């Protein structure tokens, strides 16, 4: 499934396996590009972060016809790049929403 197909379909859920052995169900909020890589923003659907506004960022690997994969972001520098790009994505989303309301 391509990135576009995934974003346009319903029921985009991922199970994250945390370091402490727990599983966390998340929904795909966005896929965005930064510095030539794709990243996924996931929202937790249960657990302590469910209503906190916490977002999990992962590398998003588009596998074509196969299900996509998520990879941990390996270092703080790349995480900063992904975080900044996600903030810009949210700013653009908010701006687009304001423009639509004005029409």
N, C-alpha and C. Protein backbone atom coordinates (compact mmCIF):
# COMPACT_ATOMS: atom_id res chain seq x y z
N UNK A 1 0.85 -1.18 0.00
CA UNK A 1 0.00 0.00 0.00
C UNK A 1 0.89 1.24 0.00
N UNK A 2 0.67 2.15 -0.91
CA UNK A 2 1.48 3.35 -0.99
C UNK A 2 1.08 4.34 0.09
N UNK A 3 1.92 5.35 0.28
CA UNK A 3 1.66 6.39 1.26
C UNK A 3 0.32 7.06 0.97
N UNK A 4 0.05 7.38 -0.29
CA UNK A 4 -1.19 8.06 -0.65
C UNK A 4 -2.41 7.18 -0.38
N UNK A 5 -2.30 5.89 -0.73
CA UNK A 5 -3.41 4.96 -0.48
C UNK A 5 -3.68 4.83 1.01
N UNK A 6 -2.61 4.77 1.80
CA UNK A 6 -2.76 4.64 3.24
C UNK A 6 -3.45 5.86 3.84
N UNK A 7 -3.02 7.03 3.42
CA UNK A 7 -3.60 8.26 3.96
C UNK A 7 -5.05 8.47 3.53
N UNK A 8 -5.42 7.92 2.38
CA UNK A 8 -6.78 8.09 1.88
C UNK A 8 -7.73 6.98 2.31
N UNK A 9 -7.23 6.00 3.05
CA UNK A 9 -8.09 4.91 3.51
C UNK A 9 -8.44 5.11 4.99
N UNK A 10 -9.44 4.39 5.42
CA UNK A 10 -9.85 4.47 6.83
C UNK A 10 -9.20 3.32 7.59
N UNK A 11 -9.10 3.48 8.91
CA UNK A 11 -8.59 2.41 9.74
C UNK A 11 -7.08 2.26 9.65
N UNK A 12 -6.38 3.35 9.67
CA UNK A 12 -4.92 3.31 9.61
C UNK A 12 -4.36 3.21 11.02
N UNK A 13 -4.19 2.00 11.48
CA UNK A 13 -3.73 1.76 12.84
C UNK A 13 -2.42 1.01 12.85
N UNK A 14 -1.61 1.33 13.83
CA UNK A 14 -0.34 0.65 14.04
C UNK A 14 -0.26 0.24 15.50
N UNK A 15 0.37 -0.88 15.76
CA UNK A 15 0.66 -1.30 17.13
C UNK A 15 2.13 -1.06 17.38
N UNK A 16 2.40 -0.25 18.40
CA UNK A 16 3.79 0.01 18.79
C UNK A 16 4.13 -0.91 19.95
N UNK A 17 5.31 -1.46 19.90
CA UNK A 17 5.80 -2.34 20.97
C UNK A 17 6.83 -1.55 21.76
N UNK A 18 6.46 -1.19 22.98
CA UNK A 18 7.28 -0.32 23.79
C UNK A 18 8.41 -1.10 24.46
N UNK A 19 9.43 -0.38 24.93
CA UNK A 19 10.59 -1.00 25.56
C UNK A 19 10.23 -1.82 26.80
N UNK A 20 9.17 -1.42 27.49
CA UNK A 20 8.79 -2.15 28.71
C UNK A 20 7.92 -3.37 28.41
N UNK A 21 7.74 -3.69 27.14
CA UNK A 21 6.98 -4.88 26.75
C UNK A 21 5.50 -4.63 26.51
N UNK A 22 5.02 -3.43 26.76
CA UNK A 22 3.61 -3.13 26.53
C UNK A 22 3.38 -2.82 25.05
N UNK A 23 2.13 -2.97 24.66
CA UNK A 23 1.71 -2.63 23.30
C UNK A 23 0.86 -1.38 23.36
N UNK A 24 1.01 -0.53 22.37
CA UNK A 24 0.27 0.72 22.31
C UNK A 24 -0.36 0.84 20.94
N UNK A 25 -1.68 0.89 20.90
CA UNK A 25 -2.41 1.07 19.64
C UNK A 25 -2.42 2.56 19.29
N UNK A 26 -2.08 2.86 18.03
CA UNK A 26 -2.02 4.25 17.57
C UNK A 26 -2.71 4.37 16.22
N UNK A 27 -3.20 5.56 15.96
CA UNK A 27 -3.75 5.84 14.64
C UNK A 27 -2.77 6.74 13.90
N UNK A 28 -2.74 6.58 12.59
CA UNK A 28 -1.88 7.40 11.75
C UNK A 28 -2.52 8.77 11.61
N UNK A 29 -1.81 9.79 12.03
CA UNK A 29 -2.30 11.16 11.91
C UNK A 29 -1.82 11.80 10.61
N UNK A 30 -0.54 11.59 10.29
CA UNK A 30 0.02 12.23 9.11
C UNK A 30 1.27 11.51 8.65
N UNK A 31 1.55 11.63 7.37
CA UNK A 31 2.84 11.24 6.80
C UNK A 31 3.36 12.48 6.10
N UNK A 32 4.59 12.85 6.41
CA UNK A 32 5.17 14.07 5.87
C UNK A 32 6.64 13.81 5.53
N UNK A 33 7.21 14.68 4.73
CA UNK A 33 8.59 14.52 4.29
C UNK A 33 9.45 15.62 4.88
N UNK A 34 10.65 15.23 5.29
CA UNK A 34 11.64 16.19 5.78
C UNK A 34 13.02 15.69 5.41
N UNK A 35 13.81 16.57 4.82
CA UNK A 35 15.19 16.25 4.49
C UNK A 35 15.31 14.96 3.66
N UNK A 36 14.34 14.76 2.75
CA UNK A 36 14.39 13.62 1.85
C UNK A 36 13.88 12.30 2.41
N UNK A 37 13.36 12.30 3.62
CA UNK A 37 12.81 11.08 4.24
C UNK A 37 11.34 11.30 4.58
N UNK A 38 10.59 10.20 4.57
CA UNK A 38 9.19 10.25 5.01
C UNK A 38 9.11 9.88 6.48
N UNK A 39 8.20 10.57 7.18
CA UNK A 39 7.97 10.32 8.60
C UNK A 39 6.48 10.16 8.84
N UNK A 40 6.16 9.41 9.89
CA UNK A 40 4.77 9.22 10.29
C UNK A 40 4.57 9.82 11.67
N UNK A 41 3.44 10.49 11.84
CA UNK A 41 3.03 10.99 13.15
C UNK A 41 1.87 10.11 13.61
N UNK A 42 2.03 9.49 14.77
CA UNK A 42 1.03 8.57 15.30
C UNK A 42 0.44 9.13 16.59
N UNK A 43 -0.87 8.96 16.73
CA UNK A 43 -1.57 9.38 17.95
C UNK A 43 -1.97 8.15 18.74
N UNK A 44 -1.63 8.11 20.03
CA UNK A 44 -2.03 6.95 20.85
C UNK A 44 -3.54 6.91 21.05
N UNK A 45 -4.09 5.70 20.97
CA UNK A 45 -5.54 5.50 21.15
C UNK A 45 -5.90 5.01 22.54
N UNK A 46 -4.90 4.65 23.32
CA UNK A 46 -5.14 4.18 24.68
C UNK A 46 -3.90 4.45 25.51
N UNK A 47 -4.00 4.21 26.80
CA UNK A 47 -2.85 4.38 27.67
C UNK A 47 -2.74 5.79 28.21
N UNK A 48 -1.65 6.04 28.92
CA UNK A 48 -1.50 7.34 29.61
C UNK A 48 -1.35 8.53 28.67
N UNK A 49 -0.92 8.31 27.44
CA UNK A 49 -0.73 9.42 26.50
C UNK A 49 -1.94 9.68 25.61
N UNK A 50 -3.01 8.93 25.83
CA UNK A 50 -4.18 9.00 24.94
C UNK A 50 -4.74 10.41 24.79
N UNK A 51 -4.88 11.12 25.89
CA UNK A 51 -5.48 12.46 25.84
C UNK A 51 -4.46 13.57 26.08
N UNK A 52 -3.19 13.23 26.05
CA UNK A 52 -2.16 14.21 26.40
C UNK A 52 -1.74 15.08 25.22
N UNK A 53 -2.15 14.71 24.01
CA UNK A 53 -1.68 15.43 22.84
C UNK A 53 -0.31 14.93 22.38
N UNK A 54 0.18 13.90 23.04
CA UNK A 54 1.46 13.28 22.67
C UNK A 54 1.37 12.70 21.27
N UNK A 55 2.41 12.90 20.49
CA UNK A 55 2.50 12.37 19.14
C UNK A 55 3.82 11.60 19.05
N UNK A 56 3.77 10.44 18.43
CA UNK A 56 4.97 9.64 18.24
C UNK A 56 5.42 9.79 16.79
N UNK A 57 6.69 10.11 16.61
CA UNK A 57 7.25 10.27 15.27
C UNK A 57 8.16 9.09 14.95
N UNK A 58 7.99 8.55 13.74
CA UNK A 58 8.78 7.43 13.25
C UNK A 58 9.14 7.67 11.80
N UNK A 59 10.22 7.04 11.37
CA UNK A 59 10.49 6.99 9.94
C UNK A 59 9.40 6.14 9.31
N UNK A 60 8.94 6.54 8.15
CA UNK A 60 7.90 5.83 7.41
C UNK A 60 8.53 5.26 6.16
N UNK A 61 8.48 3.94 6.02
CA UNK A 61 9.08 3.27 4.88
C UNK A 61 7.96 2.74 3.99
N UNK A 62 7.81 3.36 2.83
CA UNK A 62 6.79 2.95 1.87
C UNK A 62 7.30 1.71 1.14
N UNK A 63 6.58 0.60 1.28
CA UNK A 63 7.00 -0.68 0.70
C UNK A 63 6.24 -1.00 -0.59
N UNK A 64 5.65 0.01 -1.22
CA UNK A 64 4.91 -0.22 -2.45
C UNK A 64 3.63 -0.99 -2.20
N UNK A 65 3.54 -2.20 -2.75
CA UNK A 65 2.32 -3.01 -2.61
C UNK A 65 2.20 -3.66 -1.23
N UNK A 66 3.27 -3.70 -0.47
CA UNK A 66 3.25 -4.29 0.87
C UNK A 66 2.86 -3.23 1.89
N UNK A 67 2.54 -3.68 3.10
CA UNK A 67 2.25 -2.75 4.18
C UNK A 67 3.50 -1.93 4.50
N UNK A 68 3.32 -0.65 4.84
CA UNK A 68 4.48 0.18 5.17
C UNK A 68 5.12 -0.28 6.48
N UNK A 69 6.34 0.15 6.69
CA UNK A 69 7.04 -0.15 7.93
C UNK A 69 7.36 1.15 8.64
N UNK A 70 7.47 1.05 9.95
CA UNK A 70 7.92 2.17 10.77
C UNK A 70 9.28 1.82 11.35
N UNK A 71 10.15 2.80 11.42
CA UNK A 71 11.47 2.62 12.03
C UNK A 71 11.67 3.71 13.06
N UNK A 72 12.36 3.38 14.13
CA UNK A 72 12.74 4.39 15.10
C UNK A 72 13.65 5.42 14.43
N UNK A 73 13.56 6.64 14.89
CA UNK A 73 14.46 7.69 14.44
C UNK A 73 15.73 7.55 15.30
N UNK A 74 16.88 7.31 14.66
CA UNK A 74 18.05 6.86 15.41
C UNK A 74 18.80 7.91 16.24
N UNK A 75 18.64 9.19 15.94
CA UNK A 75 19.43 10.16 16.71
C UNK A 75 18.66 11.46 16.91
N UNK A 76 19.16 12.25 17.85
CA UNK A 76 18.49 13.50 18.22
C UNK A 76 18.45 14.51 17.08
N UNK A 77 19.49 14.53 16.26
CA UNK A 77 19.53 15.49 15.16
C UNK A 77 18.40 15.21 14.15
N UNK A 78 18.24 13.94 13.80
CA UNK A 78 17.17 13.59 12.86
C UNK A 78 15.80 13.81 13.50
N UNK A 79 15.69 13.51 14.78
CA UNK A 79 14.42 13.74 15.48
C UNK A 79 14.06 15.22 15.47
N UNK A 80 15.05 16.07 15.64
CA UNK A 80 14.80 17.52 15.60
C UNK A 80 14.31 17.95 14.21
N UNK A 81 14.92 17.40 13.17
CA UNK A 81 14.50 17.70 11.80
C UNK A 81 13.05 17.26 11.59
N UNK A 82 12.72 16.03 12.03
CA UNK A 82 11.36 15.52 11.88
C UNK A 82 10.36 16.33 12.70
N UNK A 83 10.75 16.70 13.91
CA UNK A 83 9.86 17.49 14.78
C UNK A 83 9.56 18.86 14.18
N UNK A 84 10.60 19.51 13.67
CA UNK A 84 10.41 20.82 13.04
C UNK A 84 9.49 20.71 11.82
N UNK A 85 9.69 19.67 11.02
CA UNK A 85 8.85 19.48 9.84
C UNK A 85 7.40 19.20 10.24
N UNK A 86 7.20 18.44 11.31
CA UNK A 86 5.85 18.17 11.78
C UNK A 86 5.19 19.45 12.27
N UNK A 87 5.93 20.28 12.99
CA UNK A 87 5.39 21.57 13.43
C UNK A 87 4.98 22.42 12.23
N UNK A 88 5.79 22.43 11.18
CA UNK A 88 5.44 23.17 9.96
C UNK A 88 4.18 22.58 9.32
N UNK A 89 4.09 21.25 9.31
CA UNK A 89 2.91 20.58 8.77
C UNK A 89 1.66 21.04 9.54
N UNK A 90 1.74 21.08 10.86
CA UNK A 90 0.60 21.52 11.67
C UNK A 90 0.25 22.97 11.41
N UNK A 91 1.28 23.82 11.27
CA UNK A 91 1.04 25.23 10.97
C UNK A 91 0.32 25.37 9.63
N UNK A 92 0.77 24.62 8.61
CA UNK A 92 0.12 24.66 7.30
C UNK A 92 -1.31 24.16 7.38
N UNK A 93 -1.53 23.11 8.15
CA UNK A 93 -2.87 22.55 8.31
C UNK A 93 -3.80 23.57 8.96
N UNK A 94 -3.31 24.25 9.99
CA UNK A 94 -4.11 25.27 10.67
C UNK A 94 -4.40 26.43 9.73
N UNK A 95 -3.41 26.86 8.95
CA UNK A 95 -3.60 27.94 7.99
C UNK A 95 -4.63 27.56 6.94
N UNK A 96 -4.55 26.33 6.42
CA UNK A 96 -5.52 25.87 5.43
C UNK A 96 -6.92 25.85 6.01
N UNK A 97 -7.05 25.45 7.27
CA UNK A 97 -8.36 25.41 7.92
C UNK A 97 -8.93 26.82 8.06
N UNK A 98 -8.10 27.77 8.45
CA UNK A 98 -8.55 29.16 8.59
C UNK A 98 -9.01 29.69 7.25
N UNK A 99 -8.26 29.42 6.17
CA UNK A 99 -8.63 29.88 4.83
C UNK A 99 -9.97 29.30 4.42
N UNK A 100 -10.20 28.01 4.68
CA UNK A 100 -11.46 27.36 4.31
C UNK A 100 -12.64 27.99 5.07
N UNK A 101 -12.42 28.34 6.34
CA UNK A 101 -13.50 28.95 7.12
C UNK A 101 -13.85 30.33 6.61
N UNK A 102 -12.90 31.02 6.01
CA UNK A 102 -13.15 32.37 5.50
C UNK A 102 -13.91 32.38 4.18
N UNK A 103 -13.92 31.24 3.47
CA UNK A 103 -14.58 31.20 2.17
C UNK A 103 -16.06 31.26 2.26
